[in-house]
Amino acid sequence: MKTIINAPVFDEDLPALVEFHYSEEEGQVVNVHKIELISDNYKPADITVVYHINDDIRQKINEELTDKYRRGEYED
């Protein structure tokens, strides 16, 4: 599944295309496969590194994705 979110990175919220997996059993997003910034200022690898290092950012992204999934705001 994929959707666009405002990813909380680099002390600002940047639009990003995110591919993720939602677990019906757990009732939340359990894995983010890809985060691609929609910005000319950063490369996709920039956010990928931050995502894997910073648990707070990962948690915020997972919460936003879970909310979007529950509202049906995603593509298969």
PDB file of N, CA and C in Angstrom:
ATOM      1  N   MET A   1       0.838  -1.158   0.000  1.00  0.00           N
ATOM      2  CA  MET A   1       0.000   0.000   0.000  1.00  0.00           C
ATOM      3  C   MET A   1       0.889   1.227   0.000  1.00  0.00           C
ATOM      4  N   LYS A   2       0.350   2.343  -0.483  1.00  0.00           N
ATOM      5  CA  LYS A   2       1.141   3.559  -0.466  1.00  0.00           C
ATOM      6  C   LYS A   2       0.244   4.771  -0.283  1.00  0.00           C
ATOM      7  N   THR A   3       0.847   5.835   0.231  1.00  0.00           N
ATOM      8  CA  THR A   3       0.143   7.090   0.448  1.00  0.00           C
ATOM      9  C   THR A   3       1.172   8.201   0.581  1.00  0.00           C
ATOM     10  N   ILE A   4       0.713   9.429   0.608  1.00  0.00           N
ATOM     11  CA  ILE A   4       1.594  10.576   0.821  1.00  0.00           C
ATOM     12  C   ILE A   4       1.346  11.104   2.224  1.00  0.00           C
ATOM     13  N   ILE A   5       2.433  11.351   2.946  1.00  0.00           N
ATOM     14  CA  ILE A   5       2.342  11.906   4.296  1.00  0.00           C
ATOM     15  C   ILE A   5       3.285  13.091   4.407  1.00  0.00           C
ATOM     16  N   ASN A   6       3.162  13.835   5.483  1.00  0.00           N
ATOM     17  CA  ASN A   6       4.161  14.829   5.844  1.00  0.00           C
ATOM     18  C   ASN A   6       5.093  14.160   6.838  1.00  0.00           C
ATOM     19  N   ALA A   7       6.276  13.803   6.375  1.00  0.00           N
ATOM     20  CA  ALA A   7       7.237  13.077   7.203  1.00  0.00           C
ATOM     21  C   ALA A   7       7.985  14.044   8.111  1.00  0.00           C
ATOM     22  N   PRO A   8       7.964  13.801   9.414  1.00  0.00           N
ATOM     23  CA  PRO A   8       8.622  14.711  10.369  1.00  0.00           C
ATOM     24  C   PRO A   8      10.129  14.464  10.430  1.00  0.00           C
ATOM     25  N   VAL A   9      10.855  15.083   9.501  1.00  0.00           N
ATOM     26  CA  VAL A   9      12.311  14.904   9.450  1.00  0.00           C
ATOM     27  C   VAL A   9      13.002  16.251   9.305  1.00  0.00           C
ATOM     28  N   PHE A  10      14.263  16.279   9.701  1.00  0.00           N
ATOM     29  CA  PHE A  10      15.086  17.478   9.555  1.00  0.00           C
ATOM     30  C   PHE A  10      14.419  18.706  10.174  1.00  0.00           C
ATOM     31  N   ASP A  11      13.767  18.533  11.313  1.00  0.00           N
ATOM     32  CA  ASP A  11      13.104  19.619  12.037  1.00  0.00           C
ATOM     33  C   ASP A  11      12.012  20.306  11.232  1.00  0.00           C
ATOM     34  N   GLU A  12      11.435  19.613  10.274  1.00  0.00           N
ATOM     35  CA  GLU A  12      10.308  20.143   9.515  1.00  0.00           C
ATOM     36  C   GLU A  12       9.502  18.968   8.973  1.00  0.00           C
ATOM     37  N   ASP A  13       8.280  19.242   8.560  1.00  0.00           N
ATOM     38  CA  ASP A  13       7.458  18.208   7.945  1.00  0.00           C
ATOM     39  C   ASP A  13       7.608  18.317   6.435  1.00  0.00           C
ATOM     40  N   LEU A  14       8.090  17.248   5.808  1.00  0.00           N
ATOM     41  CA  LEU A  14       8.306  17.232   4.370  1.00  0.00           C
ATOM     42  C   LEU A  14       7.391  16.207   3.718  1.00  0.00           C
ATOM     43  N   PRO A  15       6.776  16.553   2.583  1.00  0.00           N
ATOM     44  CA  PRO A  15       5.920  15.577   1.910  1.00  0.00           C
ATOM     45  C   PRO A  15       6.748  14.398   1.410  1.00  0.00           C
ATOM     46  N   ALA A  16       6.203  13.201   1.593  1.00  0.00           N
ATOM     47  CA  ALA A  16       6.902  11.990   1.172  1.00  0.00           C
ATOM     48  C   ALA A  16       5.901  10.939   0.717  1.00  0.00           C
ATOM     49  N   LEU A  17       6.268  10.202  -0.331  1.00  0.00           N
ATOM     50  CA  LEU A  17       5.497   9.049  -0.769  1.00  0.00           C
ATOM     51  C   LEU A  17       5.998   7.856   0.023  1.00  0.00           C
ATOM     52  N   VAL A  18       5.086   7.154   0.685  1.00  0.00           N
ATOM     53  CA  VAL A  18       5.475   6.065   1.580  1.00  0.00           C
ATOM     54  C   VAL A  18       4.763   4.778   1.169  1.00  0.00           C
ATOM     55  N   GLU A  19       5.525   3.689   1.063  1.00  0.00           N
ATOM     56  CA  GLU A  19       4.954   2.362   0.854  1.00  0.00           C
ATOM     57  C   GLU A  19       5.017   1.629   2.185  1.00  0.00           C
ATOM     58  N   PHE A  20       3.905   0.981   2.566  1.00  0.00           N
ATOM     59  CA  PHE A  20       3.840   0.395   3.905  1.00  0.00           C
ATOM     60  C   PHE A  20       2.986  -0.860   3.928  1.00  0.00           C
ATOM     61  N   HIS A  21       3.080  -1.595   5.026  1.00  0.00           N
ATOM     62  CA  HIS A  21       2.252  -2.785   5.258  1.00  0.00           C
ATOM     63  C   HIS A  21       1.454  -2.575   6.541  1.00  0.00           C
ATOM     64  N   TYR A  22       0.140  -2.748   6.446  1.00  0.00           N
ATOM     65  CA  TYR A  22      -0.756  -2.634   7.593  1.00  0.00           C
ATOM     66  C   TYR A  22      -1.168  -4.033   8.017  1.00  0.00           C
ATOM     67  N   SER A  23      -1.062  -4.338   9.295  1.00  0.00           N
ATOM     68  CA  SER A  23      -1.463  -5.642   9.823  1.00  0.00           C
ATOM     69  C   SER A  23      -2.863  -5.535  10.415  1.00  0.00           C
ATOM     70  N   GLU A  24      -3.820  -6.223   9.793  1.00  0.00           N
ATOM     71  CA  GLU A  24      -5.181  -6.250  10.340  1.00  0.00           C
ATOM     72  C   GLU A  24      -5.170  -6.892  11.724  1.00  0.00           C
ATOM     73  N   GLU A  25      -4.342  -7.902  11.894  1.00  0.00           N
ATOM     74  CA  GLU A  25      -4.256  -8.616  13.169  1.00  0.00           C
ATOM     75  C   GLU A  25      -3.779  -7.696  14.294  1.00  0.00           C
ATOM     76  N   GLU A  26      -2.757  -6.880  14.006  1.00  0.00           N
ATOM     77  CA  GLU A  26      -2.221  -5.981  15.031  1.00  0.00           C
ATOM     78  C   GLU A  26      -2.944  -4.641  15.071  1.00  0.00           C
ATOM     79  N   GLY A  27      -3.677  -4.313  14.004  1.00  0.00           N
ATOM     80  CA  GLY A  27      -4.424  -3.068  13.968  1.00  0.00           C
ATOM     81  C   GLY A  27      -3.567  -1.832  13.794  1.00  0.00           C
ATOM     82  N   GLN A  28      -2.406  -2.001  13.157  1.00  0.00           N
ATOM     83  CA  GLN A  28      -1.519  -0.856  12.948  1.00  0.00           C
ATOM     84  C   GLN A  28      -0.533  -1.147  11.818  1.00  0.00           C
ATOM     85  N   VAL A  29       0.156  -0.094  11.388  1.00  0.00           N
ATOM     86  CA  VAL A  29       1.226  -0.256  10.410  1.00  0.00           C
ATOM     87  C   VAL A  29       2.375  -0.983  11.092  1.00  0.00           C
ATOM     88  N   VAL A  30       2.882  -2.019  10.439  1.00  0.00           N
ATOM     89  CA  VAL A  30       3.954  -2.812  11.043  1.00  0.00           C
ATOM     90  C   VAL A  30       5.266  -2.722  10.274  1.00  0.00           C
ATOM     91  N   ASN A  31       5.224  -2.201   9.042  1.00  0.00           N
ATOM     92  CA  ASN A  31       6.454  -2.107   8.276  1.00  0.00           C
ATOM     93  C   ASN A  31       6.329  -1.010   7.231  1.00  0.00           C
ATOM     94  N   VAL A  32       7.353  -0.199   7.119  1.00  0.00           N
ATOM     95  CA  VAL A  32       7.437   0.800   6.061  1.00  0.00           C
ATOM     96  C   VAL A  32       8.513   0.324   5.100  1.00  0.00           C
ATOM     97  N   HIS A  33       8.122   0.128   3.837  1.00  0.00           N
ATOM     98  CA  HIS A  33       9.045  -0.429   2.853  1.00  0.00           C
ATOM     99  C   HIS A  33       9.887   0.642   2.180  1.00  0.00           C
ATOM    100  N   LYS A  34       9.310   1.822   1.979  1.00  0.00           N
ATOM    101  CA  LYS A  34      10.002   2.852   1.210  1.00  0.00           C
ATOM    102  C   LYS A  34       9.470   4.217   1.608  1.00  0.00           C
ATOM    103  N   ILE A  35      10.375   5.167   1.762  1.00  0.00           N
ATOM    104  CA  ILE A  35      10.003   6.559   1.995  1.00  0.00           C
ATOM    105  C   ILE A  35      10.745   7.383   0.954  1.00  0.00           C
ATOM    106  N   GLU A  36       9.995   8.056   0.099  1.00  0.00           N
ATOM    107  CA  GLU A  36      10.616   8.861  -0.945  1.00  0.00           C
ATOM    108  C   GLU A  36      10.155  10.307  -0.789  1.00  0.00           C
ATOM    109  N   LEU A  37      11.093  11.186  -0.475  1.00  0.00           N
ATOM    110  CA  LEU A  37      10.743  12.587  -0.307  1.00  0.00           C
ATOM    111  C   LEU A  37      10.270  13.185  -1.618  1.00  0.00           C
ATOM    112  N   ILE A  38       9.271  14.029  -1.527  1.00  0.00           N
ATOM    113  CA  ILE A  38       8.793  14.770  -2.685  1.00  0.00           C
ATOM    114  C   ILE A  38       9.341  16.187  -2.517  1.00  0.00           C
ATOM    115  N   SER A  39      10.624  16.326  -2.733  1.00  0.00           N
ATOM    116  CA  SER A  39      11.315  17.590  -2.499  1.00  0.00           C
ATOM    117  C   SER A  39      12.586  17.613  -3.334  1.00  0.00           C
ATOM    118  N   ASP A  40      12.897  18.758  -3.871  1.00  0.00           N
ATOM    119  CA  ASP A  40      14.134  18.895  -4.633  1.00  0.00           C
ATOM    120  C   ASP A  40      15.335  19.098  -3.726  1.00  0.00           C
ATOM    121  N   ASN A  41      15.095  19.333  -2.435  1.00  0.00           N
ATOM    122  CA  ASN A  41      16.179  19.650  -1.508  1.00  0.00           C
ATOM    123  C   ASN A  41      16.857  18.436  -0.895  1.00  0.00           C
ATOM    124  N   TYR A  42      16.202  17.268  -0.917  1.00  0.00           N
ATOM    125  CA  TYR A  42      16.751  16.080  -0.271  1.00  0.00           C
ATOM    126  C   TYR A  42      16.645  14.875  -1.190  1.00  0.00           C
ATOM    127  N   LYS A  43      17.576  13.953  -1.050  1.00  0.00           N
ATOM    128  CA  LYS A  43      17.535  12.695  -1.792  1.00  0.00           C
ATOM    129  C   LYS A  43      16.750  11.675  -0.962  1.00  0.00           C
ATOM    130  N   PRO A  44      16.100  10.687  -1.610  1.00  0.00           N
ATOM    131  CA  PRO A  44      15.375   9.662  -0.844  1.00  0.00           C
ATOM    132  C   PRO A  44      16.230   8.987   0.221  1.00  0.00           C
ATOM    133  N   ALA A  45      17.503   8.793  -0.039  1.00  0.00           N
ATOM    134  CA  ALA A  45      18.378   8.132   0.937  1.00  0.00           C
ATOM    135  C   ALA A  45      18.509   8.950   2.218  1.00  0.00           C
ATOM    136  N   ASP A  46      18.404  10.267   2.123  1.00  0.00           N
ATOM    137  CA  ASP A  46      18.532  11.117   3.308  1.00  0.00           C
ATOM    138  C   ASP A  46      17.513  10.737   4.367  1.00  0.00           C
ATOM    139  N   ILE A  47      16.270  10.588   3.985  1.00  0.00           N
ATOM    140  CA  ILE A  47      15.226  10.275   4.956  1.00  0.00           C
ATOM    141  C   ILE A  47      15.276   8.808   5.374  1.00  0.00           C
ATOM    142  N   THR A  48      15.704   7.924   4.476  1.00  0.00           N
ATOM    143  CA  THR A  48      15.778   6.506   4.831  1.00  0.00           C
ATOM    144  C   THR A  48      16.725   6.300   5.998  1.00  0.00           C
ATOM    145  N   VAL A  49      17.859   6.959   5.984  1.00  0.00           N
ATOM    146  CA  VAL A  49      18.829   6.846   7.072  1.00  0.00           C
ATOM    147  C   VAL A  49      18.228   7.365   8.368  1.00  0.00           C
ATOM    148  N   VAL A  50      17.601   8.526   8.328  1.00  0.00           N
ATOM    149  CA  VAL A  50      16.986   9.095   9.525  1.00  0.00           C
ATOM    150  C   VAL A  50      15.895   8.171  10.046  1.00  0.00           C
ATOM    151  N   TYR A  51      15.090   7.622   9.145  1.00  0.00           N
ATOM    152  CA  TYR A  51      13.987   6.755   9.544  1.00  0.00           C
ATOM    153  C   TYR A  51      14.496   5.554  10.331  1.00  0.00           C
ATOM    154  N   HIS A  52      15.579   4.954   9.900  1.00  0.00           N
ATOM    155  CA  HIS A  52      16.085   3.760  10.577  1.00  0.00           C
ATOM    156  C   HIS A  52      16.788   4.094  11.887  1.00  0.00           C
ATOM    157  N   ILE A  53      17.288   5.293  12.043  1.00  0.00           N
ATOM    158  CA  ILE A  53      18.037   5.660  13.242  1.00  0.00           C
ATOM    159  C   ILE A  53      17.121   6.190  14.346  1.00  0.00           C
ATOM    160  N   ASN A  54      16.141   6.999  13.994  1.00  0.00           N
ATOM    161  CA  ASN A  54      15.365   7.730  14.980  1.00  0.00           C
ATOM    162  C   ASN A  54      14.016   7.049  15.250  1.00  0.00           C
ATOM    163  N   ASP A  55      13.881   6.424  16.405  1.00  0.00           N
ATOM    164  CA  ASP A  55      12.642   5.723  16.760  1.00  0.00           C
ATOM    165  C   ASP A  55      11.452   6.663  16.896  1.00  0.00           C
ATOM    166  N   ASP A  56      11.682   7.899  17.363  1.00  0.00           N
ATOM    167  CA  ASP A  56      10.588   8.861  17.496  1.00  0.00           C
ATOM    168  C   ASP A  56       9.981   9.185  16.137  1.00  0.00           C
ATOM    169  N   ILE A  57      10.835   9.398  15.146  1.00  0.00           N
ATOM    170  CA  ILE A  57      10.346   9.689  13.802  1.00  0.00           C
ATOM    171  C   ILE A  57       9.609   8.481  13.243  1.00  0.00           C
ATOM    172  N   ARG A  58      10.169   7.290  13.430  1.00  0.00           N
ATOM    173  CA  ARG A  58       9.515   6.079  12.937  1.00  0.00           C
ATOM    174  C   ARG A  58       8.133   5.929  13.563  1.00  0.00           C
ATOM    175  N   GLN A  59       8.019   6.181  14.858  1.00  0.00           N
ATOM    176  CA  GLN A  59       6.733   6.062  15.544  1.00  0.00           C
ATOM    177  C   GLN A  59       5.722   7.071  15.005  1.00  0.00           C
ATOM    178  N   LYS A  60       6.157   8.315  14.783  1.00  0.00           N
ATOM    179  CA  LYS A  60       5.256   9.337  14.238  1.00  0.00           C
ATOM    180  C   LYS A  60       4.763   8.954  12.849  1.00  0.00           C
ATOM    181  N   ILE A  61       5.678   8.450  12.025  1.00  0.00           N
ATOM    182  CA  ILE A  61       5.298   8.037  10.680  1.00  0.00           C
ATOM    183  C   ILE A  61       4.316   6.872  10.742  1.00  0.00           C
ATOM    184  N   ASN A  62       4.591   5.880  11.561  1.00  0.00           N
ATOM    185  CA  ASN A  62       3.686   4.730  11.688  1.00  0.00           C
ATOM    186  C   ASN A  62       2.306   5.154  12.179  1.00  0.00           C
ATOM    187  N   GLU A  63       2.245   6.091  13.128  1.00  0.00           N
ATOM    188  CA  GLU A  63       0.953   6.572  13.626  1.00  0.00           C
ATOM    189  C   GLU A  63       0.178   7.291  12.531  1.00  0.00           C
ATOM    190  N   GLU A  64       0.860   8.138  11.764  1.00  0.00           N
ATOM    191  CA  GLU A  64       0.176   8.853  10.689  1.00  0.00           C
ATOM    192  C   GLU A  64      -0.310   7.876   9.619  1.00  0.00           C
ATOM    193  N   LEU A  65       0.517   6.891   9.286  1.00  0.00           N
ATOM    194  CA  LEU A  65       0.109   5.894   8.296  1.00  0.00           C
ATOM    195  C   LEU A  65      -1.070   5.068   8.785  1.00  0.00           C
ATOM    196  N   THR A  66      -1.061   4.686  10.048  1.00  0.00           N
ATOM    197  CA  THR A  66      -2.171   3.920  10.614  1.00  0.00           C
ATOM    198  C   THR A  66      -3.461   4.730  10.533  1.00  0.00           C
ATOM    199  N   ASP A  67      -3.402   6.018  10.871  1.00  0.00           N
ATOM    200  CA  ASP A  67      -4.585   6.881  10.778  1.00  0.00           C
ATOM    201  C   ASP A  67      -5.081   6.984   9.339  1.00  0.00           C
ATOM    202  N   LYS A  68      -4.163   7.187   8.385  1.00  0.00           N
ATOM    203  CA  LYS A  68      -4.554   7.288   6.977  1.00  0.00           C
ATOM    204  C   LYS A  68      -5.170   5.975   6.490  1.00  0.00           C
ATOM    205  N   TYR A  69      -4.609   4.847   6.904  1.00  0.00           N
ATOM    206  CA  TYR A  69      -5.152   3.547   6.501  1.00  0.00           C
ATOM    207  C   TYR A  69      -6.584   3.399   7.006  1.00  0.00           C
ATOM    208  N   ARG A  70      -6.804   3.729   8.244  1.00  0.00           N
ATOM    209  CA  ARG A  70      -8.145   3.588   8.837  1.00  0.00           C
ATOM    210  C   ARG A  70      -9.168   4.500   8.165  1.00  0.00           C
ATOM    211  N   ARG A  71      -8.708   5.639   7.619  1.00  0.00           N
ATOM    212  CA  ARG A  71      -9.602   6.556   6.904  1.00  0.00           C
ATOM    213  C   ARG A  71      -9.727   6.184   5.423  1.00  0.00           C
ATOM    214  N   GLY A  72      -8.976   5.170   4.995  1.00  0.00           N
ATOM    215  CA  GLY A  72      -9.034   4.745   3.599  1.00  0.00           C
ATOM    216  C   GLY A  72      -8.242   5.632   2.658  1.00  0.00           C
ATOM    217  N   GLU A  73      -7.298   6.381   3.177  1.00  0.00           N
ATOM    218  CA  GLU A  73      -6.506   7.314   2.373  1.00  0.00           C
ATOM    219  C   GLU A  73      -5.199   6.665   1.923  1.00  0.00           C
ATOM    220  N   TYR A  74      -5.312   5.662   1.050  1.00  0.00           N
ATOM    221  CA  TYR A  74      -4.133   4.961   0.546  1.00  0.00           C
ATOM    222  C   TYR A  74      -4.483   4.269  -0.764  1.00  0.00           C
ATOM    223  N   GLU A  75      -3.451   3.822  -1.486  1.00  0.00           N
ATOM    224  CA  GLU A  75      -3.620   3.030  -2.699  1.00  0.00           C
ATOM    225  C   GLU A  75      -3.009   1.661  -2.469  1.00  0.00           C
ATOM    226  N   ASP A  76      -3.603   0.638  -3.077  1.00  0.00           N
ATOM    227  CA  ASP A  76      -3.015  -0.708  -2.991  1.00  0.00           C
ATOM    228  C   ASP A  76      -1.831  -0.822  -3.917  1.00  0.00           C
TER     229      ASP A  76
END
